[in-house]
Structure formats: C-alpha cells, structure tokens
Amino acid sequence: MENAEANTSRFVVLYHQMPDSATRPSHWDLMIQDGGVLATWQLLEWPPAGTILVKRLDDHRLTYLDFEGEVDKDRGRVTRIEFGDMEPLEQNDEVQHVNLVGQAFAATLYLEHDRGQFWRLSVGD
C-alpha cells in the first residue's frame, strides 16, 4: 500500500534577510514543489495583494521545505513564514496555477510568465 503522505506536494514561503553587503533587498521566497525540486520566485511582499510582478529564481532543493537559518556563502538568513500543502492545477514552463493550504494562508495562486525572469502573480479565491 502506498503512503498517501509521500504523494503530497508542498510549498513554503521563506523570509530571506539579506546581509548588509547584499546588492538586493531582503524579500520573500515562494517555493512550490514541482517534481523533485522547488520552483522559486522572489516576492517583495507577502501575502501578495492584487497582481504583482515577481522574479523567477533558480530551482531549489526540497530540503528548503523544512529549512530555517543561515544560508551558506554569506547569503543571509531565511525564516519560514508559511508552509503547507499544494495542489497543482496547471504546471508548465509558462504557467503555475496551484491551490495552497498553509497554516494561515489558503488561496489559489496564478503565476504566469511575463518576460525574461519576471512573472505575474495573482491570488484567487
């Protein structure tokens, strides 16, 4: 019999406090499980209000689902702000529509590729 929990996809939102020497501001990292990696976007606000432009970052390892603390190579510190289960509605290179059910946040997120590394994120019911 298969373990149902093993089939559950997850998400996490990390607050990424950048060091004083950083060239980019502190921000939130939205990480959505996509197969064996976490598709990741940089947000300048959490929770998002209306439609906002977000930056797509490189995929991250699944270990970030449960990670808090100092990031190696003097890249600051991350704190878990929200986490929970994720139900994919549509996932491909241009679109990520997912239902998120976290500890305090539950909504459908619509991420659609805009241009380059930028995506438009909006929140549905």
Protein backbone atom coordinates (compact mmCIF):
# COMPACT_ATOMS: atom_id res chain seq x y z
CA MET A 1 0.00 0.00 0.00
CA GLU A 2 1.36 3.42 -0.97
CA ASN A 3 1.92 6.10 1.66
CA ALA A 4 -0.52 8.93 0.82
CA GLU A 5 1.73 11.47 2.54
CA ALA A 6 4.56 10.62 0.12
CA ASN A 7 2.32 11.85 -2.75
CA THR A 8 1.55 15.17 -1.09
CA SER A 9 3.13 18.18 -2.73
CA ARG A 10 4.15 21.06 -0.51
CA PHE A 11 5.03 24.74 -0.56
CA VAL A 12 6.92 27.12 1.70
CA VAL A 13 7.37 30.87 1.99
CA LEU A 14 10.71 31.95 3.44
CA TYR A 15 11.62 35.46 4.52
CA HIS A 16 15.15 35.96 3.18
CA GLN A 17 17.00 38.54 5.27
CA MET A 18 19.92 39.65 3.13
CA PRO A 19 23.27 40.62 4.70
CA ASP A 20 24.25 44.31 4.84
CA SER A 21 26.71 43.74 1.99
CA ALA A 22 24.00 42.45 -0.40
CA THR A 23 23.08 44.31 -3.57
CA ARG A 24 19.44 43.16 -3.49
CA PRO A 25 16.89 43.82 -0.74
CA SER A 26 15.51 41.39 1.78
CA HIS A 27 12.49 39.60 0.29
CA TRP A 28 10.21 36.57 0.47
CA ASP A 29 10.91 33.35 -1.44
CA LEU A 30 7.80 31.47 -2.60
CA MET A 31 8.78 27.85 -3.22
CA ILE A 32 6.33 25.42 -4.84
CA GLN A 33 7.13 21.73 -5.21
CA ASP A 34 7.41 20.76 -8.87
CA GLY A 35 8.52 17.15 -9.08
CA GLY A 36 11.86 16.74 -7.30
CA VAL A 37 12.63 20.47 -6.98
CA LEU A 38 11.15 23.68 -5.62
CA ALA A 39 10.18 26.19 -8.30
CA THR A 40 11.09 29.51 -6.66
CA TRP A 41 10.01 33.14 -7.03
CA GLN A 42 11.26 36.27 -5.25
CA LEU A 43 8.45 38.46 -3.88
CA LEU A 44 8.77 41.94 -2.42
CA GLU A 45 5.57 41.49 -0.39
CA TRP A 46 3.81 38.67 1.44
CA PRO A 47 0.99 37.95 1.31
CA PRO A 48 0.59 39.29 -2.21
CA ALA A 49 -2.17 41.84 -2.82
CA GLY A 50 -3.72 42.17 -6.25
CA THR A 51 -1.45 41.31 -9.16
CA ILE A 52 2.27 41.78 -8.59
CA LEU A 53 5.38 41.25 -10.67
CA VAL A 54 7.71 38.61 -9.20
CA LYS A 55 11.14 37.35 -10.22
CA ARG A 56 11.75 33.68 -11.05
CA LEU A 57 14.83 32.33 -9.32
CA ASP A 58 16.72 29.08 -9.87
CA ASP A 59 15.05 25.93 -8.59
CA HIS A 60 15.93 24.98 -5.02
CA ARG A 61 16.40 21.64 -3.29
CA LEU A 62 13.45 20.09 -1.46
CA THR A 63 15.37 20.45 1.82
CA TYR A 64 14.29 24.13 1.87
CA LEU A 65 10.75 22.96 2.69
CA ASP A 66 11.88 22.47 6.30
CA PHE A 67 14.92 24.77 6.48
CA GLU A 68 15.44 27.85 8.62
CA GLY A 69 18.74 29.50 9.41
CA GLU A 70 21.89 30.90 7.88
CA VAL A 71 22.33 30.43 4.13
CA ASP A 72 25.82 29.36 3.09
CA LYS A 73 28.29 31.65 1.30
CA ASP A 74 27.19 34.68 3.37
CA ARG A 75 23.82 34.96 1.62
CA GLY A 76 21.86 35.92 4.71
CA ARG A 77 19.29 34.08 6.77
CA VAL A 78 15.88 32.55 5.99
CA THR A 79 12.87 32.19 8.27
CA ARG A 80 9.83 30.06 7.46
CA ILE A 81 6.81 32.36 7.31
CA GLU A 82 4.24 29.95 5.85
CA PHE A 83 4.14 26.33 4.72
CA GLY A 84 1.65 23.65 3.86
CA ASP A 85 0.16 21.51 1.14
CA MET A 86 0.00 22.38 -2.53
CA GLU A 87 -2.39 21.02 -5.16
CA PRO A 88 -1.23 21.64 -8.74
CA LEU A 89 -3.95 22.78 -11.12
CA GLU A 90 -1.69 23.55 -14.10
CA GLN A 91 2.10 23.47 -14.10
CA ASN A 92 4.39 24.04 -17.08
CA ASP A 93 7.19 26.40 -18.17
CA GLU A 94 4.80 29.31 -18.69
CA VAL A 95 2.08 28.82 -16.07
CA GLN A 96 1.84 27.71 -12.45
CA HIS A 97 -1.74 27.59 -11.14
CA VAL A 98 -1.83 25.99 -7.70
CA ASN A 99 -4.04 25.72 -4.63
CA LEU A 100 -2.12 26.42 -1.43
CA VAL A 101 -3.36 25.44 2.02
CA GLY A 102 -0.99 26.67 4.69
CA GLN A 103 -1.08 27.41 8.38
CA ALA A 104 -2.59 30.90 7.93
CA PHE A 105 -2.84 31.33 4.15
CA ALA A 106 -5.15 29.43 1.80
CA ALA A 107 -5.75 30.54 -1.78
CA THR A 108 -5.29 29.74 -5.44
CA LEU A 109 -2.16 31.34 -6.87
CA TYR A 110 -1.89 32.16 -10.55
CA LEU A 111 1.69 32.60 -11.77
CA GLU A 112 2.09 33.42 -15.45
CA HIS A 113 5.33 34.09 -17.27
CA ASP A 114 5.61 37.72 -18.34
CA ARG A 115 9.08 38.27 -19.82
CA GLY A 116 12.61 37.15 -19.02
CA GLN A 117 12.78 36.18 -15.35
CA PHE A 118 9.57 38.04 -14.49
CA TRP A 119 6.18 36.51 -13.81
CA ARG A 120 2.80 37.97 -12.84
CA LEU A 121 1.36 36.59 -9.62
CA SER A 122 -2.29 36.99 -8.65
CA VAL A 123 -4.36 35.48 -5.89
CA GLY A 124 -7.77 33.91 -6.42
CA ASP A 125 -10.35 32.52 -4.02
